[in-house]
C-alpha cells in the first residue's frame, strides 16, 4: 500500500511504516494537483497536518483512498462524516501532541504573569538607560500558585493543562460536555500517581470565578468568548487561546484589555491565520506565538509513531 505524507513525516515514521510493507511518499503536492497525484500513483493513505484540505470533492475524486490521517487533535480540515460514510478510516493523534500544547500554554502563563513578553521587548532597547524604572514597571507580577484556572472544553490537551495547573498548586475548574466529576491523574517520574477530582461548573460560573481561562473546544458556529462573555469575567482576568483563532473575538479581546477587564492575554492561534491583523500583533499587552503549540521535536516523533501504529492496525493484511 502507498502512503502520501503531504504535510511531512519524520524518518522514524517512514521507517516504521516501511518495516510493515508500506511505501511512503514524503512529498509536498499542491492542493490543486493533489487529486491527480493521488490517482496517478494509486495512493491508499493520505496523511496531513494543517495545510492540506481534505474536502468532499477530493474524497470523491480519489477512489483509491482507504484512510486519511491527521497529525494532531482537530479534524477541521477534513470532511470527516463524508469520508466515513464512504468507507474511509479517519484517524488523528490527540495524545501525541497534548503535553506539547499544554507546556506552551504554561510558557505563556508564566510569561504573562511576570510580564516577560513586555520586558523582553523593552530591555534590549532601554535596559541600559532605564533599568531601575523598568524594574519598577515590571515588579507587579503575580504567582500562579493559589490562582484558579478555568478550562473551557474537554479533550486530551485540556487534561494536560489541568495536570500542570494542579502540579503547581492552582485550583482547576472545568466547563464542558462530561459528567459532574472529572478525575485527573498526575503521573510522576518515579511511577507514582495521584488522582484529583476536579470541579465541573456551568460556563458562566467558570467565567466569573477564574483568574485565568484556557480554551480547548472545537470550532463553533460563533465565538465562545465575545463581548458578552468578557462582561462576566473578573477584573484583571487572563485569557489564553491555543485552540482555534475563531473561538475568541479578537476585537472584543482588545476592547476588554483597554477596559481593564483582561490584564493578561496570550494567543497561539488567530482569526485571520496565517495573516493575523497587524493591529492585534502590535498590541503590547498580548503574548504571541505563531501556532506552534503542537510542534516540538518530541511531539512530532510521537505523532508519526501513533499514526504508523493506527495505520498498521487498520490496514495491515
Protein backbone atom coordinates (compact mmCIF):
# COMPACT_ATOMS: atom_id res chain seq x y z
CA UNK A 1 0.00 0.00 0.00
CA UNK A 2 1.11 3.54 -0.78
CA UNK A 3 1.09 6.42 1.70
CA UNK A 4 1.37 10.09 0.81
CA UNK A 5 2.59 12.24 3.73
CA UNK A 6 1.65 15.52 2.14
CA UNK A 7 2.49 17.74 5.12
CA UNK A 8 5.64 15.86 6.11
CA UNK A 9 6.65 12.88 8.24
CA UNK A 10 9.73 12.01 10.31
CA UNK A 11 12.26 9.42 9.25
CA UNK A 12 11.27 7.25 12.19
CA UNK A 13 7.67 7.29 10.99
CA UNK A 14 8.75 6.35 7.49
CA UNK A 15 10.91 3.52 8.80
CA UNK A 16 8.13 2.16 10.99
CA UNK A 17 5.72 2.05 8.07
CA UNK A 18 8.22 0.65 5.59
CA UNK A 19 9.08 -2.16 8.00
CA UNK A 20 5.46 -3.25 7.70
CA UNK A 21 5.39 -3.20 3.93
CA UNK A 22 4.02 0.29 3.27
CA UNK A 23 5.54 2.54 0.61
CA UNK A 24 5.83 6.11 1.93
CA UNK A 25 5.99 9.18 -0.32
CA UNK A 26 7.23 12.17 1.66
CA UNK A 27 6.49 14.88 -0.89
CA UNK A 28 4.55 18.16 -0.92
CA UNK A 29 1.82 18.26 -3.55
CA UNK A 30 -0.11 21.49 -4.07
CA UNK A 31 -3.81 21.40 -3.26
CA UNK A 32 -4.93 21.72 -6.87
CA UNK A 33 -2.59 18.94 -8.04
CA UNK A 34 -3.46 16.57 -5.22
CA UNK A 35 -6.25 14.59 -6.97
CA UNK A 36 -4.07 13.90 -9.99
CA UNK A 37 -1.11 12.83 -7.86
CA UNK A 38 -3.21 10.51 -5.70
CA UNK A 39 -4.88 8.88 -8.71
CA UNK A 40 -1.74 8.65 -10.85
CA UNK A 41 0.17 6.95 -8.01
CA UNK A 42 -2.63 4.83 -6.57
CA UNK A 43 -2.35 6.35 -3.09
CA UNK A 44 -4.16 4.39 -0.36
CA UNK A 45 -3.40 6.61 2.64
CA UNK A 46 -3.24 10.41 2.81
CA UNK A 47 -1.52 11.90 5.85
CA UNK A 48 -1.96 15.62 6.53
CA UNK A 49 -1.36 18.23 9.21
CA UNK A 50 -2.99 21.68 8.95
CA UNK A 51 -2.03 22.80 5.45
CA UNK A 52 -3.75 20.21 3.25
CA UNK A 53 -7.53 20.36 2.92
CA UNK A 54 -9.34 17.04 2.51
CA UNK A 55 -12.81 18.04 1.41
CA UNK A 56 -15.67 16.10 -0.13
CA UNK A 57 -14.60 16.88 -3.69
CA UNK A 58 -11.11 15.47 -3.12
CA UNK A 59 -12.51 12.33 -1.50
CA UNK A 60 -14.95 11.83 -4.38
CA UNK A 61 -12.19 12.32 -6.95
CA UNK A 62 -9.81 9.82 -5.30
CA UNK A 63 -11.46 6.36 -5.07
CA UNK A 64 -8.18 4.65 -4.16
CA UNK A 65 -8.08 6.31 -0.72
CA UNK A 66 -8.74 4.00 2.20
CA UNK A 67 -7.53 6.10 5.12
CA UNK A 68 -6.98 9.76 5.99
CA UNK A 69 -4.68 10.53 8.90
CA UNK A 70 -4.37 13.87 10.70
CA UNK A 71 -1.28 14.80 12.70
CA UNK A 72 -2.90 16.46 15.69
CA UNK A 73 -6.18 16.65 17.52
CA UNK A 74 -8.52 18.69 15.32
CA UNK A 75 -10.10 17.42 12.13
CA UNK A 76 -11.40 20.75 10.85
CA UNK A 77 -9.60 20.47 7.51
CA UNK A 78 -11.17 17.07 6.77
CA UNK A 79 -14.78 16.30 5.82
CA UNK A 80 -14.88 13.51 8.38
CA UNK A 81 -18.53 12.49 8.14
CA UNK A 82 -18.45 12.24 4.36
CA UNK A 83 -15.21 10.25 4.43
CA UNK A 84 -16.55 7.75 6.96
CA UNK A 85 -19.89 7.47 5.17
CA UNK A 86 -17.89 6.40 2.12
CA UNK A 87 -15.93 3.73 3.95
CA UNK A 88 -12.70 5.60 4.69
CA UNK A 89 -10.93 5.41 8.03
CA UNK A 90 -10.20 8.82 9.58
CA UNK A 91 -7.61 8.92 12.37
CA UNK A 92 -5.84 11.56 14.44
CA UNK A 93 -3.28 11.77 17.27
CA UNK A 94 -4.61 13.81 20.21
CA UNK A 95 -2.44 12.18 22.88
CA UNK A 96 0.74 12.70 20.88
CA UNK A 97 0.51 16.50 20.98
CA UNK A 98 -1.29 17.11 24.28
CA UNK A 99 1.73 17.70 26.50
CA UNK A 100 3.41 19.94 23.91
CA UNK A 101 0.39 22.26 23.69
CA UNK A 102 -0.11 22.28 27.46
CA UNK A 103 3.52 23.22 28.08
CA UNK A 104 3.28 26.11 25.59
CA UNK A 105 0.16 27.34 27.37
CA UNK A 106 2.05 27.37 30.64
CA UNK A 107 5.03 29.04 29.00
CA UNK A 108 2.60 31.84 28.12
CA UNK A 109 1.02 31.75 31.58
CA UNK A 110 4.31 32.09 33.41
CA UNK A 111 5.41 34.77 30.97
CA UNK A 112 2.34 36.99 31.11
CA UNK A 113 2.06 36.68 34.89
CA UNK A 114 5.54 38.26 35.16
CA UNK A 115 5.31 40.47 32.02
CA UNK A 116 8.14 38.64 30.25
CA UNK A 117 6.59 39.34 26.83
CA UNK A 118 6.92 43.06 27.56
CA UNK A 119 10.25 43.12 29.38
CA UNK A 120 11.87 41.04 26.64
CA UNK A 121 10.90 43.78 24.19
CA UNK A 122 11.95 46.73 26.29
CA UNK A 123 15.14 45.53 27.99
CA UNK A 124 17.19 45.35 24.76
CA UNK A 125 16.02 48.85 23.82
CA UNK A 126 16.08 50.66 27.17
CA UNK A 127 17.59 48.34 29.76
CA UNK A 128 20.89 50.21 29.79
CA UNK A 129 19.35 53.63 30.39
CA UNK A 130 16.09 52.85 32.23
CA UNK A 131 16.99 49.77 34.25
CA UNK A 132 15.52 50.94 37.56
CA UNK A 133 12.33 52.33 36.03
CA UNK A 134 11.83 49.10 34.07
CA UNK A 135 12.40 47.15 37.26
CA UNK A 136 9.64 49.16 38.90
CA UNK A 137 7.40 48.83 35.84
CA UNK A 138 7.57 45.02 35.79
CA UNK A 139 7.70 44.41 39.55
CA UNK A 140 3.95 43.97 39.90
CA UNK A 141 3.81 40.38 38.63
CA UNK A 142 1.79 37.64 40.27
CA UNK A 143 2.32 33.99 41.18
CA UNK A 144 0.17 31.25 39.64
CA UNK A 145 0.12 29.12 42.78
CA UNK A 146 -3.23 29.51 44.51
CA UNK A 147 -4.96 31.03 41.48
CA UNK A 148 -7.97 29.48 39.73
CA UNK A 149 -7.72 28.36 36.13
CA UNK A 150 -10.94 27.77 34.23
CA UNK A 151 -10.71 25.29 31.38
CA UNK A 152 -13.32 25.56 28.66
CA UNK A 153 -13.70 22.28 26.78
CA UNK A 154 -12.91 18.63 27.29
CA UNK A 155 -10.11 16.94 25.37
CA UNK A 156 -6.67 15.49 25.93
CA UNK A 157 -4.98 18.91 25.86
CA UNK A 158 -7.41 20.26 28.46
CA UNK A 159 -6.50 17.34 30.71
CA UNK A 160 -2.77 18.03 30.33
CA UNK A 161 -3.31 21.71 31.18
CA UNK A 162 -5.18 20.61 34.29
CA UNK A 163 -2.30 18.32 35.31
CA UNK A 164 0.27 21.11 35.03
CA UNK A 165 -2.01 23.51 36.88
CA UNK A 166 -2.57 21.06 39.74
CA UNK A 167 1.15 20.37 39.88
CA UNK A 168 1.95 24.00 40.67
CA UNK A 169 -0.87 24.44 43.15
CA UNK A 170 -3.63 26.04 41.09
CA UNK A 171 -7.31 25.34 41.56
CA UNK A 172 -8.83 23.82 38.42
CA UNK A 173 -12.44 24.16 37.30
CA UNK A 174 -13.86 22.80 34.04
CA UNK A 175 -16.84 23.52 31.88
CA UNK A 176 -17.68 21.13 29.09
CA UNK A 177 -19.59 18.07 27.98
CA UNK A 178 -18.86 15.43 30.58
CA UNK A 179 -20.11 14.09 33.93
CA UNK A 180 -20.32 16.16 37.11
CA UNK A 181 -16.90 14.99 38.29
CA UNK A 182 -13.69 14.68 36.33
CA UNK A 183 -10.74 12.64 37.51
CA UNK A 184 -7.28 13.93 36.60
CA UNK A 185 -4.35 11.57 37.20
CA UNK A 186 -0.93 13.08 37.80
CA UNK A 187 1.94 10.75 36.90
CA UNK A 188 5.45 11.38 38.22
CA UNK A 189 8.91 10.38 37.03
CA UNK A 190 9.18 7.56 39.59
CA UNK A 191 5.93 5.87 38.58
CA UNK A 192 3.89 7.33 41.42
CA UNK A 193 0.39 8.58 40.54
CA UNK A 194 -2.15 10.73 42.34
CA UNK A 195 -5.82 11.14 41.35
CA UNK A 196 -7.52 14.52 41.69
CA UNK A 197 -11.25 15.14 41.40
CA UNK A 198 -11.76 18.48 39.70
CA UNK A 199 -14.94 20.52 39.63
CA UNK A 200 -17.33 20.94 36.77
CA UNK A 201 -19.07 24.31 36.70
CA UNK A 202 -21.60 25.97 34.38
CA UNK A 203 -19.97 28.06 31.67
CA UNK A 204 -20.99 31.40 33.19
CA UNK A 205 -19.68 30.36 36.62
CA UNK A 206 -16.29 29.48 35.14
CA UNK A 207 -16.12 32.91 33.53
CA UNK A 208 -16.93 34.58 36.84
CA UNK A 209 -14.65 32.53 39.12
CA UNK A 210 -11.47 32.12 37.04
CA UNK A 211 -8.29 34.14 37.38
CA UNK A 212 -7.09 32.61 34.12
CA UNK A 213 -9.11 30.98 31.33
CA UNK A 214 -7.74 28.47 28.82
CA UNK A 215 -9.84 27.47 25.80
CA UNK A 216 -9.97 23.90 24.45
CA UNK A 217 -13.01 23.48 22.26
CA UNK A 218 -13.82 22.53 18.66
CA UNK A 219 -14.85 25.21 16.20
CA UNK A 220 -18.33 26.59 16.73
CA UNK A 221 -20.79 28.50 14.57
CA UNK A 222 -19.95 31.58 16.63
CA UNK A 223 -17.35 32.81 19.11
CA UNK A 224 -17.15 31.13 22.53
CA UNK A 225 -15.65 34.31 24.02
CA UNK A 226 -17.00 37.65 22.80
CA UNK A 227 -18.11 40.94 24.35
CA UNK A 228 -20.93 39.42 26.39
CA UNK A 229 -18.63 36.78 27.91
CA UNK A 230 -15.98 39.33 28.85
CA UNK A 231 -18.62 41.21 30.85
CA UNK A 232 -18.99 38.21 33.18
CA UNK A 233 -15.27 37.84 33.92
CA UNK A 234 -13.25 39.01 36.90
CA UNK A 235 -11.50 42.34 36.57
CA UNK A 236 -7.88 41.60 35.64
CA UNK A 237 -8.51 38.10 34.21
CA UNK A 238 -6.07 36.26 31.96
CA UNK A 239 -7.09 34.66 28.63
CA UNK A 240 -5.06 32.02 26.76
CA UNK A 241 -6.14 30.60 23.41
CA UNK A 242 -4.07 27.87 21.76
CA UNK A 243 -7.05 26.04 20.27
CA UNK A 244 -8.73 27.90 17.37
CA UNK A 245 -8.45 31.55 16.44
CA UNK A 246 -12.14 31.84 15.64
CA UNK A 247 -13.21 30.92 19.18
CA UNK A 248 -12.25 34.33 20.59
CA UNK A 249 -13.48 37.62 19.15
CA UNK A 250 -10.18 39.49 18.77
CA UNK A 251 -11.85 42.92 18.60
CA UNK A 252 -13.72 42.18 21.83
CA UNK A 253 -10.47 40.96 23.40
CA UNK A 254 -8.63 44.17 22.57
CA UNK A 255 -11.54 46.21 23.92
CA UNK A 256 -11.58 44.14 27.12
CA UNK A 257 -7.86 44.85 27.54
CA UNK A 258 -8.49 48.59 27.07
CA UNK A 259 -11.30 48.48 29.62
CA UNK A 260 -9.11 46.70 32.18
CA UNK A 261 -11.21 43.54 32.27
CA UNK A 262 -8.39 41.50 30.73
CA UNK A 263 -4.94 42.14 32.18
CA UNK A 264 -3.15 39.08 30.78
CA UNK A 265 -3.61 37.63 27.29
CA UNK A 266 -1.81 35.11 25.12
CA UNK A 267 -2.60 33.84 21.62
CA UNK A 268 -1.08 30.97 19.65
CA UNK A 269 -3.91 31.00 17.08
CA UNK A 270 -5.64 33.80 15.21
CA UNK A 271 -8.90 34.58 13.44
CA UNK A 272 -7.15 35.55 10.21
CA UNK A 273 -4.47 32.86 10.15
CA UNK A 274 -1.87 32.82 8.63
CA UNK A 275 -2.19 36.60 8.27
CA UNK A 276 -3.06 37.96 11.73
CA UNK A 277 -4.27 41.52 11.91
CA UNK A 278 -1.34 43.91 12.35
CA UNK A 279 -3.36 45.98 14.86
CA UNK A 280 -3.60 42.88 17.04
CA UNK A 281 0.09 41.98 16.70
CA UNK A 282 1.13 45.48 17.68
CA UNK A 283 -0.75 45.28 20.99
CA UNK A 284 1.95 45.21 23.69
CA UNK A 285 -0.38 43.64 26.26
CA UNK A 286 -0.63 40.31 24.40
CA UNK A 287 1.89 37.48 24.31
CA UNK A 288 2.07 35.85 20.85
CA UNK A 289 3.35 32.65 19.25
CA UNK A 290 2.82 31.59 15.60
CA UNK A 291 0.62 28.50 16.08
CA UNK A 292 3.44 26.33 17.45
CA UNK A 293 1.54 24.70 20.31
CA UNK A 294 1.70 21.15 18.96
CA UNK A 295 5.16 21.48 17.41
CA UNK A 296 8.06 20.09 19.40
CA UNK A 297 10.70 17.56 18.41
CA UNK A 298 9.17 15.04 20.79
CA UNK A 299 5.56 15.59 19.70
CA UNK A 300 6.46 15.14 16.04
CA UNK A 301 8.04 11.78 16.79
CA UNK A 302 5.08 10.70 18.93
CA UNK A 303 2.64 11.83 16.25
CA UNK A 304 4.32 9.86 13.47
CA UNK A 305 4.67 6.83 15.73
CA UNK A 306 0.97 6.96 16.64
CA UNK A 307 -0.11 7.42 13.01
CA UNK A 308 2.04 4.48 11.95
CA UNK A 309 0.60 2.33 14.73
CA UNK A 310 -3.00 3.07 13.75
CA UNK A 311 -2.35 2.58 10.04
CA UNK A 312 -0.75 -0.82 10.68
CA UNK A 313 -3.67 -1.88 12.88
CA UNK A 314 -6.29 -0.80 10.37
CA UNK A 315 -4.73 -1.70 7.04
CA UNK A 316 -2.13 -4.42 7.51
CA UNK A 317 -3.21 -7.60 5.74
